[in-house]
mmCIF file of all heavy atoms, coordinates in Angstrom:
data_MODEL
# 
_entry.id   MODEL 
# 
loop_
_atom_site.group_PDB 
_atom_site.id 
_atom_site.type_symbol 
_atom_site.label_atom_id 
_atom_site.label_alt_id 
_atom_site.label_comp_id 
_atom_site.label_asym_id 
_atom_site.label_entity_id 
_atom_site.label_seq_id 
_atom_site.pdbx_PDB_ins_code 
_atom_site.Cartn_x 
_atom_site.Cartn_y 
_atom_site.Cartn_z 
_atom_site.occupancy 
_atom_site.B_iso_or_equiv 
_atom_site.pdbx_formal_charge 
_atom_site.auth_seq_id 
_atom_site.auth_comp_id 
_atom_site.auth_asym_id 
_atom_site.auth_atom_id 
_atom_site.pdbx_PDB_model_num 
ATOM 1   N N   . SER A 1 1  ? -11.420 -3.989 2.509   1.00 0.00 ? 1  SER A N   1 
ATOM 2   C CA  . SER A 1 1  ? -11.021 -3.027 3.552   1.00 0.00 ? 1  SER A CA  1 
ATOM 3   C C   . SER A 1 1  ? -11.317 -1.638 3.051   1.00 0.00 ? 1  SER A C   1 
ATOM 4   O O   . SER A 1 1  ? -11.420 -1.377 1.844   1.00 0.00 ? 1  SER A O   1 
ATOM 5   C CB  . SER A 1 1  ? -9.532  -3.185 3.888   1.00 0.00 ? 1  SER A CB  1 
ATOM 6   O OG  . SER A 1 1  ? -8.720  -2.864 2.803   1.00 0.00 ? 1  SER A OG  1 
ATOM 7   N N   . THR A 1 2  ? -11.424 -0.706 3.993   1.00 0.00 ? 2  THR A N   1 
ATOM 8   C CA  . THR A 1 2  ? -11.712 0.680  3.638   1.00 0.00 ? 2  THR A CA  1 
ATOM 9   C C   . THR A 1 2  ? -10.527 1.571  3.907   1.00 0.00 ? 2  THR A C   1 
ATOM 10  O O   . THR A 1 2  ? -10.682 2.776  3.938   1.00 0.00 ? 2  THR A O   1 
ATOM 11  C CB  . THR A 1 2  ? -12.943 1.163  4.417   1.00 0.00 ? 2  THR A CB  1 
ATOM 12  O OG1 . THR A 1 2  ? -12.718 1.008  5.837   1.00 0.00 ? 2  THR A OG1 1 
ATOM 13  C CG2 . THR A 1 2  ? -14.201 0.396  3.997   1.00 0.00 ? 2  THR A CG2 1 
ATOM 14  N N   . GLY A 1 3  ? -9.369  0.987  4.112   1.00 0.00 ? 3  GLY A N   1 
ATOM 15  C CA  . GLY A 1 3  ? -8.165  1.768  4.326   1.00 0.00 ? 3  GLY A CA  1 
ATOM 16  C C   . GLY A 1 3  ? -6.989  0.862  4.682   1.00 0.00 ? 3  GLY A C   1 
ATOM 17  O O   . GLY A 1 3  ? -7.204  -0.318 5.019   1.00 0.00 ? 3  GLY A O   1 
ATOM 18  N N   . PHE A 1 4  ? -5.788  1.404  4.594   1.00 0.00 ? 4  PHE A N   1 
ATOM 19  C CA  . PHE A 1 4  ? -4.575  0.673  4.956   1.00 0.00 ? 4  PHE A CA  1 
ATOM 20  C C   . PHE A 1 4  ? -3.833  1.403  6.087   1.00 0.00 ? 4  PHE A C   1 
ATOM 21  O O   . PHE A 1 4  ? -3.749  2.605  6.102   1.00 0.00 ? 4  PHE A O   1 
ATOM 22  C CB  . PHE A 1 4  ? -3.616  0.602  3.764   1.00 0.00 ? 4  PHE A CB  1 
ATOM 23  C CG  . PHE A 1 4  ? -3.976  -0.399 2.702   1.00 0.00 ? 4  PHE A CG  1 
ATOM 24  C CD1 . PHE A 1 4  ? -5.110  -1.215 2.805   1.00 0.00 ? 4  PHE A CD1 1 
ATOM 25  C CD2 . PHE A 1 4  ? -3.174  -0.540 1.593   1.00 0.00 ? 4  PHE A CD2 1 
ATOM 26  C CE1 . PHE A 1 4  ? -5.403  -2.111 1.809   1.00 0.00 ? 4  PHE A CE1 1 
ATOM 27  C CE2 . PHE A 1 4  ? -3.465  -1.435 0.591   1.00 0.00 ? 4  PHE A CE2 1 
ATOM 28  C CZ  . PHE A 1 4  ? -4.596  -2.254 0.688   1.00 0.00 ? 4  PHE A CZ  1 
ATOM 29  N N   . ILE A 1 5  ? -3.323  0.581  7.020   1.00 0.00 ? 5  ILE A N   1 
ATOM 30  C CA  . ILE A 1 5  ? -2.332  1.087  7.995   1.00 0.00 ? 5  ILE A CA  1 
ATOM 31  C C   . ILE A 1 5  ? -1.069  0.299  7.738   1.00 0.00 ? 5  ILE A C   1 
ATOM 32  O O   . ILE A 1 5  ? -1.058  -0.942 7.807   1.00 0.00 ? 5  ILE A O   1 
ATOM 33  C CB  . ILE A 1 5  ? -2.839  0.907  9.427   1.00 0.00 ? 5  ILE A CB  1 
ATOM 34  C CG1 . ILE A 1 5  ? -4.046  1.813  9.694   1.00 0.00 ? 5  ILE A CG1 1 
ATOM 35  C CG2 . ILE A 1 5  ? -1.734  1.217  10.439  1.00 0.00 ? 5  ILE A CG2 1 
ATOM 36  C CD1 . ILE A 1 5  ? -4.630  1.681  11.095  1.00 0.00 ? 5  ILE A CD1 1 
ATOM 37  N N   . VAL A 1 6  ? 0.003   1.044  7.436   1.00 0.00 ? 6  VAL A N   1 
ATOM 38  C CA  . VAL A 1 6  ? 1.253   0.413  6.978   1.00 0.00 ? 6  VAL A CA  1 
ATOM 39  C C   . VAL A 1 6  ? 2.376   0.691  7.962   1.00 0.00 ? 6  VAL A C   1 
ATOM 40  O O   . VAL A 1 6  ? 2.779   1.828  8.156   1.00 0.00 ? 6  VAL A O   1 
ATOM 41  C CB  . VAL A 1 6  ? 1.628   0.927  5.582   1.00 0.00 ? 6  VAL A CB  1 
ATOM 42  C CG1 . VAL A 1 6  ? 2.808   0.121  5.021   1.00 0.00 ? 6  VAL A CG1 1 
ATOM 43  C CG2 . VAL A 1 6  ? 0.425   0.860  4.631   1.00 0.00 ? 6  VAL A CG2 1 
ATOM 44  N N   . LEU A 1 7  ? 2.896   -0.362 8.567   1.00 0.00 ? 7  LEU A N   1 
ATOM 45  C CA  . LEU A 1 7  ? 4.000   -0.272 9.481   1.00 0.00 ? 7  LEU A CA  1 
ATOM 46  C C   . LEU A 1 7  ? 5.307   -0.617 8.753   1.00 0.00 ? 7  LEU A C   1 
ATOM 47  O O   . LEU A 1 7  ? 5.254   -1.074 7.597   1.00 0.00 ? 7  LEU A O   1 
ATOM 48  C CB  . LEU A 1 7  ? 3.799   -1.189 10.699  1.00 0.00 ? 7  LEU A CB  1 
ATOM 49  C CG  . LEU A 1 7  ? 2.699   -0.672 11.661  1.00 0.00 ? 7  LEU A CG  1 
ATOM 50  C CD1 . LEU A 1 7  ? 1.383   -1.399 11.410  1.00 0.00 ? 7  LEU A CD1 1 
ATOM 51  C CD2 . LEU A 1 7  ? 3.126   -0.890 13.099  1.00 0.00 ? 7  LEU A CD2 1 
ATOM 52  N N   . PRO A 1 8  ? 6.471   -0.419 9.367   1.00 0.00 ? 8  PRO A N   1 
ATOM 53  C CA  . PRO A 1 8  ? 7.708   -0.700 8.707   1.00 0.00 ? 8  PRO A CA  1 
ATOM 54  C C   . PRO A 1 8  ? 7.731   -2.148 8.166   1.00 0.00 ? 8  PRO A C   1 
ATOM 55  O O   . PRO A 1 8  ? 7.346   -3.106 8.844   1.00 0.00 ? 8  PRO A O   1 
ATOM 56  C CB  . PRO A 1 8  ? 8.759   -0.520 9.822   1.00 0.00 ? 8  PRO A CB  1 
ATOM 57  C CG  . PRO A 1 8  ? 8.179   0.546  10.666  1.00 0.00 ? 8  PRO A CG  1 
ATOM 58  C CD  . PRO A 1 8  ? 6.692   0.264  10.677  1.00 0.00 ? 8  PRO A CD  1 
ATOM 59  N N   . GLY A 1 9  ? 8.203   -2.271 6.921   1.00 0.00 ? 9  GLY A N   1 
ATOM 60  C CA  . GLY A 1 9  ? 8.264   -3.586 6.271   1.00 0.00 ? 9  GLY A CA  1 
ATOM 61  C C   . GLY A 1 9  ? 9.188   -3.570 5.082   1.00 0.00 ? 9  GLY A C   1 
ATOM 62  O O   . GLY A 1 9  ? 9.820   -2.556 4.786   1.00 0.00 ? 9  GLY A O   1 
ATOM 63  N N   . GLY A 1 10 ? 9.210   -4.683 4.391   1.00 0.00 ? 10 GLY A N   1 
ATOM 64  C CA  . GLY A 1 10 ? 10.120  -4.839 3.263   1.00 0.00 ? 10 GLY A CA  1 
ATOM 65  C C   . GLY A 1 10 ? 9.424   -4.718 1.896   1.00 0.00 ? 10 GLY A C   1 
ATOM 66  O O   . GLY A 1 10 ? 8.464   -3.955 1.734   1.00 0.00 ? 10 GLY A O   1 
ATOM 67  N N   . PHE A 1 11 ? 9.894   -5.489 0.935   1.00 0.00 ? 11 PHE A N   1 
ATOM 68  C CA  . PHE A 1 11 ? 9.384   -5.374 -0.427  1.00 0.00 ? 11 PHE A CA  1 
ATOM 69  C C   . PHE A 1 11 ? 7.885   -5.666 -0.508  1.00 0.00 ? 11 PHE A C   1 
ATOM 70  O O   . PHE A 1 11 ? 7.162   -5.023 -1.245  1.00 0.00 ? 11 PHE A O   1 
ATOM 71  C CB  . PHE A 1 11 ? 10.147  -6.315 -1.364  1.00 0.00 ? 11 PHE A CB  1 
ATOM 72  C CG  . PHE A 1 11 ? 11.563  -5.901 -1.651  1.00 0.00 ? 11 PHE A CG  1 
ATOM 73  C CD1 . PHE A 1 11 ? 12.500  -6.843 -2.030  1.00 0.00 ? 11 PHE A CD1 1 
ATOM 74  C CD2 . PHE A 1 11 ? 11.958  -4.586 -1.521  1.00 0.00 ? 11 PHE A CD2 1 
ATOM 75  C CE1 . PHE A 1 11 ? 13.829  -6.474 -2.309  1.00 0.00 ? 11 PHE A CE1 1 
ATOM 76  C CE2 . PHE A 1 11 ? 13.267  -4.198 -1.787  1.00 0.00 ? 11 PHE A CE2 1 
ATOM 77  C CZ  . PHE A 1 11 ? 14.202  -5.155 -2.178  1.00 0.00 ? 11 PHE A CZ  1 
ATOM 78  N N   . GLY A 1 12 ? 7.412   -6.683 0.238   1.00 0.00 ? 12 GLY A N   1 
ATOM 79  C CA  . GLY A 1 12 ? 5.992   -7.022 0.193   1.00 0.00 ? 12 GLY A CA  1 
ATOM 80  C C   . GLY A 1 12 ? 5.147   -5.900 0.712   1.00 0.00 ? 12 GLY A C   1 
ATOM 81  O O   . GLY A 1 12 ? 4.078   -5.589 0.150   1.00 0.00 ? 12 GLY A O   1 
ATOM 82  N N   . THR A 1 13 ? 5.609   -5.264 1.790   1.00 0.00 ? 13 THR A N   1 
ATOM 83  C CA  . THR A 1 13 ? 4.854   -4.097 2.335   1.00 0.00 ? 13 THR A CA  1 
ATOM 84  C C   . THR A 1 13 ? 4.828   -2.963 1.345   1.00 0.00 ? 13 THR A C   1 
ATOM 85  O O   . THR A 1 13 ? 3.791   -2.324 1.125   1.00 0.00 ? 13 THR A O   1 
ATOM 86  C CB  . THR A 1 13 ? 5.523   -3.657 3.648   1.00 0.00 ? 13 THR A CB  1 
ATOM 87  O OG1 . THR A 1 13 ? 5.539   -4.763 4.565   1.00 0.00 ? 13 THR A OG1 1 
ATOM 88  C CG2 . THR A 1 13 ? 4.805   -2.501 4.283   1.00 0.00 ? 13 THR A CG2 1 
ATOM 89  N N   . LEU A 1 14 ? 5.961   -2.663 0.704   1.00 0.00 ? 14 LEU A N   1 
ATOM 90  C CA  . LEU A 1 14 ? 6.010   -1.612 -0.306  1.00 0.00 ? 14 LEU A CA  1 
ATOM 91  C C   . LEU A 1 14 ? 5.101   -1.942 -1.490  1.00 0.00 ? 14 LEU A C   1 
ATOM 92  O O   . LEU A 1 14 ? 4.503   -1.050 -2.086  1.00 0.00 ? 14 LEU A O   1 
ATOM 93  C CB  . LEU A 1 14 ? 7.451   -1.407 -0.761  1.00 0.00 ? 14 LEU A CB  1 
ATOM 94  C CG  . LEU A 1 14 ? 8.416   -0.786 0.228   1.00 0.00 ? 14 LEU A CG  1 
ATOM 95  C CD1 . LEU A 1 14 ? 9.816   -0.734 -0.346  1.00 0.00 ? 14 LEU A CD1 1 
ATOM 96  C CD2 . LEU A 1 14 ? 7.971   0.605  0.631   1.00 0.00 ? 14 LEU A CD2 1 
ATOM 97  N N   . ASP A 1 15 ? 5.085   -3.211 -1.871  1.00 0.00 ? 15 ASP A N   1 
ATOM 98  C CA  . ASP A 1 15 ? 4.227   -3.646 -2.981  1.00 0.00 ? 15 ASP A CA  1 
ATOM 99  C C   . ASP A 1 15 ? 2.760   -3.298 -2.691  1.00 0.00 ? 15 ASP A C   1 
ATOM 100 O O   . ASP A 1 15 ? 2.067   -2.727 -3.537  1.00 0.00 ? 15 ASP A O   1 
ATOM 101 C CB  . ASP A 1 15 ? 4.390   -5.118 -3.182  1.00 0.00 ? 15 ASP A CB  1 
ATOM 102 C CG  . ASP A 1 15 ? 3.561   -5.672 -4.333  1.00 0.00 ? 15 ASP A CG  1 
ATOM 103 O OD1 . ASP A 1 15 ? 3.494   -4.987 -5.383  1.00 0.00 ? 15 ASP A OD1 1 
ATOM 104 O OD2 . ASP A 1 15 ? 2.998   -6.758 -4.176  1.00 0.00 ? 15 ASP A OD2 1 
ATOM 105 N N   . GLU A 1 16 ? 2.289   -3.644 -1.488  1.00 0.00 ? 16 GLU A N   1 
ATOM 106 C CA  . GLU A 1 16 ? 0.909   -3.362 -1.139  1.00 0.00 ? 16 GLU A CA  1 
ATOM 107 C C   . GLU A 1 16 ? 0.663   -1.845 -1.049  1.00 0.00 ? 16 GLU A C   1 
ATOM 108 O O   . GLU A 1 16 ? -0.382  -1.340 -1.469  1.00 0.00 ? 16 GLU A O   1 
ATOM 109 C CB  . GLU A 1 16 ? 0.571   -4.011 0.195   1.00 0.00 ? 16 GLU A CB  1 
ATOM 110 C CG  . GLU A 1 16 ? 0.658   -5.542 0.198   1.00 0.00 ? 16 GLU A CG  1 
ATOM 111 C CD  . GLU A 1 16 ? -0.398  -6.187 -0.654  1.00 0.00 ? 16 GLU A CD  1 
ATOM 112 O OE1 . GLU A 1 16 ? -1.311  -5.518 -1.159  1.00 0.00 ? 16 GLU A OE1 1 
ATOM 113 O OE2 . GLU A 1 16 ? -0.319  -7.427 -0.837  1.00 0.00 ? 16 GLU A OE2 1 
ATOM 114 N N   . LEU A 1 17 ? 1.628   -1.121 -0.501  1.00 0.00 ? 17 LEU A N   1 
ATOM 115 C CA  . LEU A 1 17 ? 1.495   0.306  -0.374  1.00 0.00 ? 17 LEU A CA  1 
ATOM 116 C C   . LEU A 1 17 ? 1.353   0.998  -1.720  1.00 0.00 ? 17 LEU A C   1 
ATOM 117 O O   . LEU A 1 17 ? 0.419   1.782  -1.960  1.00 0.00 ? 17 LEU A O   1 
ATOM 118 C CB  . LEU A 1 17 ? 2.713   0.880  0.377   1.00 0.00 ? 17 LEU A CB  1 
ATOM 119 C CG  . LEU A 1 17 ? 2.879   2.397  0.376   1.00 0.00 ? 17 LEU A CG  1 
ATOM 120 C CD1 . LEU A 1 17 ? 1.717   3.094  1.047   1.00 0.00 ? 17 LEU A CD1 1 
ATOM 121 C CD2 . LEU A 1 17 ? 4.211   2.813  1.034   1.00 0.00 ? 17 LEU A CD2 1 
ATOM 122 N N   . PHE A 1 18 ? 2.259   0.709  -2.662  1.00 0.00 ? 18 PHE A N   1 
ATOM 123 C CA  . PHE A 1 18 ? 2.217   1.376  -3.941  1.00 0.00 ? 18 PHE A CA  1 
ATOM 124 C C   . PHE A 1 18 ? 1.074   0.850  -4.834  1.00 0.00 ? 18 PHE A C   1 
ATOM 125 O O   . PHE A 1 18 ? 0.621   1.589  -5.703  1.00 0.00 ? 18 PHE A O   1 
ATOM 126 C CB  . PHE A 1 18 ? 3.573   1.271  -4.641  1.00 0.00 ? 18 PHE A CB  1 
ATOM 127 C CG  . PHE A 1 18 ? 4.598   2.220  -4.100  1.00 0.00 ? 18 PHE A CG  1 
ATOM 128 C CD1 . PHE A 1 18 ? 5.545   1.800  -3.191  1.00 0.00 ? 18 PHE A CD1 1 
ATOM 129 C CD2 . PHE A 1 18 ? 4.547   3.561  -4.456  1.00 0.00 ? 18 PHE A CD2 1 
ATOM 130 C CE1 . PHE A 1 18 ? 6.457   2.713  -2.661  1.00 0.00 ? 18 PHE A CE1 1 
ATOM 131 C CE2 . PHE A 1 18 ? 5.471   4.467  -3.957  1.00 0.00 ? 18 PHE A CE2 1 
ATOM 132 C CZ  . PHE A 1 18 ? 6.444   4.039  -3.039  1.00 0.00 ? 18 PHE A CZ  1 
ATOM 133 N N   . GLU A 1 19 ? 0.662   -0.367 -4.587  1.00 0.00 ? 19 GLU A N   1 
ATOM 134 C CA  . GLU A 1 19 ? -0.552  -0.846 -5.318  1.00 0.00 ? 19 GLU A CA  1 
ATOM 135 C C   . GLU A 1 19 ? -1.740  0.016  -4.925  1.00 0.00 ? 19 GLU A C   1 
ATOM 136 O O   . GLU A 1 19 ? -2.523  0.481  -5.794  1.00 0.00 ? 19 GLU A O   1 
ATOM 137 C CB  . GLU A 1 19 ? -0.824  -2.281 -4.927  1.00 0.00 ? 19 GLU A CB  1 
ATOM 138 C CG  . GLU A 1 19 ? -2.156  -2.867 -5.387  1.00 0.00 ? 19 GLU A CG  1 
ATOM 139 C CD  . GLU A 1 19 ? -2.108  -3.492 -6.742  1.00 0.00 ? 19 GLU A CD  1 
ATOM 140 O OE1 . GLU A 1 19 ? -1.024  -3.549 -7.341  1.00 0.00 ? 19 GLU A OE1 1 
ATOM 141 O OE2 . GLU A 1 19 ? -3.168  -3.946 -7.216  1.00 0.00 ? 19 GLU A OE2 1 
ATOM 142 N N   . ALA A 1 20 ? -1.911  0.264  -3.635  1.00 0.00 ? 20 ALA A N   1 
ATOM 143 C CA  . ALA A 1 20 ? -3.028  1.082  -3.179  1.00 0.00 ? 20 ALA A CA  1 
ATOM 144 C C   . ALA A 1 20 ? -2.924  2.517  -3.671  1.00 0.00 ? 20 ALA A C   1 
ATOM 145 O O   . ALA A 1 20 ? -3.905  3.107  -4.113  1.00 0.00 ? 20 ALA A O   1 
ATOM 146 C CB  . ALA A 1 20 ? -3.107  1.066  -1.642  1.00 0.00 ? 20 ALA A CB  1 
ATOM 147 N N   . LEU A 1 21 ? -1.714  3.076  -3.621  1.00 0.00 ? 21 LEU A N   1 
ATOM 148 C CA  . LEU A 1 21 ? -1.494  4.436  -4.096  1.00 0.00 ? 21 LEU A CA  1 
ATOM 149 C C   . LEU A 1 21 ? -1.838  4.591  -5.576  1.00 0.00 ? 21 LEU A C   1 
ATOM 150 O O   . LEU A 1 21 ? -2.438  5.573  -6.002  1.00 0.00 ? 21 LEU A O   1 
ATOM 151 C CB  . LEU A 1 21 ? -0.047  4.888  -3.844  1.00 0.00 ? 21 LEU A CB  1 
ATOM 152 C CG  . LEU A 1 21 ? 0.303   5.261  -2.412  1.00 0.00 ? 21 LEU A CG  1 
ATOM 153 C CD1 . LEU A 1 21 ? 1.821   5.468  -2.275  1.00 0.00 ? 21 LEU A CD1 1 
ATOM 154 C CD2 . LEU A 1 21 ? -0.448  6.509  -1.971  1.00 0.00 ? 21 LEU A CD2 1 
ATOM 155 N N   . THR A 1 22 ? -1.464  3.577  -6.361  1.00 0.00 ? 22 THR A N   1 
ATOM 156 C CA  . THR A 1 22 ? -1.746  3.586  -7.789  1.00 0.00 ? 22 THR A CA  1 
ATOM 157 C C   . THR A 1 22 ? -3.249  3.552  -8.040  1.00 0.00 ? 22 THR A C   1 
ATOM 158 O O   . THR A 1 22 ? -3.772  4.277  -8.909  1.00 0.00 ? 22 THR A O   1 
ATOM 159 C CB  . THR A 1 22 ? -1.060  2.421  -8.493  1.00 0.00 ? 22 THR A CB  1 
ATOM 160 O OG1 . THR A 1 22 ? 0.343   2.502  -8.266  1.00 0.00 ? 22 THR A OG1 1 
ATOM 161 C CG2 . THR A 1 22 ? -1.344  2.440  -9.984  1.00 0.00 ? 22 THR A CG2 1 
ATOM 162 N N   . LEU A 1 23 ? -3.955  2.726  -7.294  1.00 0.00 ? 23 LEU A N   1 
ATOM 163 C CA  . LEU A 1 23 ? -5.407  2.612  -7.460  1.00 0.00 ? 23 LEU A CA  1 
ATOM 164 C C   . LEU A 1 23 ? -6.112  3.892  -7.081  1.00 0.00 ? 23 LEU A C   1 
ATOM 165 O O   . LEU A 1 23 ? -7.069  4.310  -7.733  1.00 0.00 ? 23 LEU A O   1 
ATOM 166 C CB  . LEU A 1 23 ? -5.926  1.432  -6.616  1.00 0.00 ? 23 LEU A CB  1 
ATOM 167 C CG  . LEU A 1 23 ? -5.522  0.027  -7.077  1.00 0.00 ? 23 LEU A CG  1 
ATOM 168 C CD1 . LEU A 1 23 ? -5.939  -1.016 -6.066  1.00 0.00 ? 23 LEU A CD1 1 
ATOM 169 C CD2 . LEU A 1 23 ? -6.084  -0.273 -8.441  1.00 0.00 ? 23 LEU A CD2 1 
ATOM 170 N N   . VAL A 1 24 ? -5.640  4.557  -6.011  1.00 0.00 ? 24 VAL A N   1 
ATOM 171 C CA  . VAL A 1 24 ? -6.250  5.836  -5.622  1.00 0.00 ? 24 VAL A CA  1 
ATOM 172 C C   . VAL A 1 24 ? -5.913  6.904  -6.630  1.00 0.00 ? 24 VAL A C   1 
ATOM 173 O O   . VAL A 1 24 ? -6.787  7.689  -7.052  1.00 0.00 ? 24 VAL A O   1 
ATOM 174 C CB  . VAL A 1 24 ? -5.757  6.248  -4.209  1.00 0.00 ? 24 VAL A CB  1 
ATOM 175 C CG1 . VAL A 1 24 ? -6.269  7.618  -3.873  1.00 0.00 ? 24 VAL A CG1 1 
ATOM 176 C CG2 . VAL A 1 24 ? -6.208  5.232  -3.159  1.00 0.00 ? 24 VAL A CG2 1 
ATOM 177 N N   . GLN A 1 25 ? -4.643  6.983  -7.066  1.00 0.00 ? 25 GLN A N   1 
ATOM 178 C CA  . GLN A 1 25 ? -4.226  8.023  -7.996  1.00 0.00 ? 25 GLN A CA  1 
ATOM 179 C C   . GLN A 1 25 ? -4.972  7.910  -9.306  1.00 0.00 ? 25 GLN A C   1 
ATOM 180 O O   . GLN A 1 25 ? -5.341  8.932  -9.900  1.00 0.00 ? 25 GLN A O   1 
ATOM 181 C CB  . GLN A 1 25 ? -2.720  7.885  -8.240  1.00 0.00 ? 25 GLN A CB  1 
ATOM 182 C CG  . GLN A 1 25 ? -2.161  8.954  -9.198  1.00 0.00 ? 25 GLN A CG  1 
ATOM 183 C CD  . GLN A 1 25 ? -0.772  8.592  -9.676  1.00 0.00 ? 25 GLN A CD  1 
ATOM 184 O OE1 . GLN A 1 25 ? -0.559  7.480  -10.178 1.00 0.00 ? 25 GLN A OE1 1 
ATOM 185 N NE2 . GLN A 1 25 ? 0.165   9.511  -9.551  1.00 0.00 ? 25 GLN A NE2 1 
ATOM 186 N N   . THR A 1 26 ? -5.239  6.683  -9.768  1.00 0.00 ? 26 THR A N   1 
ATOM 187 C CA  . THR A 1 26 ? -5.925  6.506  -11.065 1.00 0.00 ? 26 THR A CA  1 
ATOM 188 C C   . THR A 1 26 ? -7.425  6.409  -10.912 1.00 0.00 ? 26 THR A C   1 
ATOM 189 O O   . THR A 1 26 ? -8.130  6.082  -11.858 1.00 0.00 ? 26 THR A O   1 
ATOM 190 C CB  . THR A 1 26 ? -5.394  5.210  -11.733 1.00 0.00 ? 26 THR A CB  1 
ATOM 191 O OG1 . THR A 1 26 ? -5.591  4.109  -10.839 1.00 0.00 ? 26 THR A OG1 1 
ATOM 192 C CG2 . THR A 1 26 ? -3.936  5.334  -12.077 1.00 0.00 ? 26 THR A CG2 1 
# 
């Protein structure tokens, strides 16, 4: 995928969100 769209969710959603943020930040 070339981007994420993240709607309200729980731990699994947060896991994917912060995984992507970490990959972009680094």
